[in-house]
Amino acid sequence: MNPEKEIVNLWLNRQGFFTVSDINANNRVVDLIGIRQRNQPVVQHVELHCSVSSPSTVVSEKEKADLLRKFNDSNVTAAVERTIKSYLG
């Protein structure tokens, strides 16, 4: 696991989340899913992107479209749902 993913994974764990990483979604990989089951189950799908060459915090329209495609891809959605069902029942 790369350093930025380790940091986010550790943060989620400290917030009470059980995490699953690197879920195969056919042509894509889901970075992290955090699952916390207290009174009401909470699931977080996390995609990471780290850049040391670009200090700008402004996200371009192309980057936004790429992120939306990662979250809305049918293979990704199916893989996330399968993973959640396998852990939560």
Protein backbone atom coordinates (compact mmCIF):
# COMPACT_ATOMS: atom_id res chain seq x y z
CA MET A 1 0.00 0.00 0.00
CA ASN A 2 1.39 3.42 -0.91
CA PRO A 3 2.05 6.06 1.81
CA GLU A 4 -0.97 8.28 1.12
CA LYS A 5 -3.28 5.27 1.23
CA GLU A 6 -1.66 4.12 4.49
CA ILE A 7 -2.30 7.54 6.03
CA VAL A 8 -5.97 7.60 5.03
CA ASN A 9 -6.37 3.96 6.10
CA LEU A 10 -4.92 4.75 9.54
CA TRP A 11 -7.15 7.82 9.90
CA LEU A 12 -10.26 5.79 9.01
CA ASN A 13 -9.25 3.07 11.49
CA ARG A 14 -8.85 5.66 14.25
CA GLN A 15 -12.32 6.98 13.43
CA GLY A 16 -13.72 3.48 14.07
CA PHE A 17 -13.89 2.27 10.48
CA PHE A 18 -13.01 -1.22 9.31
CA THR A 19 -11.24 -0.75 5.99
CA VAL A 20 -10.92 -2.84 2.86
CA SER A 21 -8.39 -1.75 0.25
CA ASP A 22 -7.58 -2.44 -3.38
CA ILE A 23 -10.89 -3.98 -4.41
CA ASN A 24 -10.85 -5.32 -7.96
CA ALA A 25 -13.64 -3.84 -10.07
CA ASN A 26 -12.77 -5.44 -13.44
CA ASN A 27 -11.08 -2.56 -15.26
CA ARG A 28 -10.59 -0.40 -12.15
CA VAL A 29 -9.39 -0.70 -8.57
CA VAL A 30 -11.30 0.82 -5.65
CA ASP A 31 -8.71 2.36 -3.32
CA LEU A 32 -10.48 2.09 0.04
CA ILE A 33 -13.85 1.33 1.53
CA GLY A 34 -14.41 2.23 5.17
CA ILE A 35 -17.24 0.51 7.05
CA ARG A 36 -18.37 1.55 10.52
CA GLN A 37 -21.28 -0.21 12.13
CA ARG A 38 -22.56 1.48 15.26
CA ASN A 39 -26.16 2.66 15.60
CA GLN A 40 -26.41 3.30 11.88
CA PRO A 41 -23.95 1.70 9.40
CA VAL A 42 -21.70 4.19 7.62
CA VAL A 43 -19.82 3.32 4.44
CA GLN A 44 -17.20 5.53 2.82
CA HIS A 45 -15.78 4.92 -0.64
CA VAL A 46 -12.39 6.65 -0.87
CA GLU A 47 -10.35 7.30 -4.02
CA LEU A 48 -6.92 8.81 -3.51
CA HIS A 49 -4.90 11.08 -5.74
CA CYS A 50 -1.63 12.60 -4.61
CA SER A 51 0.47 15.12 -6.49
CA VAL A 52 3.66 16.73 -5.30
CA SER A 53 4.23 18.72 -8.48
CA SER A 54 1.02 20.76 -8.42
CA PRO A 55 0.50 22.99 -5.36
CA SER A 56 -2.82 24.28 -6.70
CA THR A 57 -5.96 23.22 -4.83
CA VAL A 58 -8.17 24.08 -7.81
CA VAL A 59 -9.58 20.97 -9.47
CA SER A 60 -10.00 21.18 -13.23
CA GLU A 61 -13.17 20.10 -15.00
CA LYS A 62 -11.28 17.14 -16.51
CA GLU A 63 -10.17 15.99 -13.05
CA LYS A 64 -13.75 16.33 -11.77
CA ALA A 65 -15.02 14.25 -14.70
CA ASP A 66 -12.36 11.58 -14.03
CA LEU A 67 -13.35 11.40 -10.35
CA LEU A 68 -17.05 11.15 -11.18
CA ARG A 69 -16.29 8.38 -13.64
CA LYS A 70 -14.41 6.48 -10.89
CA PHE A 71 -17.39 6.65 -8.54
CA ASN A 72 -20.16 6.12 -11.09
CA ASP A 73 -18.63 3.28 -13.11
CA SER A 74 -21.00 0.28 -13.02
CA ASN A 75 -18.14 -2.15 -12.31
CA VAL A 76 -16.99 -0.03 -9.37
CA THR A 77 -20.52 0.29 -7.99
CA ALA A 78 -21.07 -3.47 -8.23
CA ALA A 79 -17.71 -4.24 -6.58
CA VAL A 80 -18.41 -1.82 -3.72
CA GLU A 81 -21.89 -3.28 -3.16
CA ARG A 82 -20.52 -6.86 -3.19
CA THR A 83 -17.83 -5.92 -0.67
CA ILE A 84 -20.28 -4.19 1.65
CA LYS A 85 -22.69 -7.14 1.52
CA SER A 86 -19.89 -9.59 2.24
CA TYR A 87 -18.90 -7.68 5.40
CA LEU A 88 -22.29 -6.42 6.61
CA GLY A 89 -24.51 -9.24 5.39
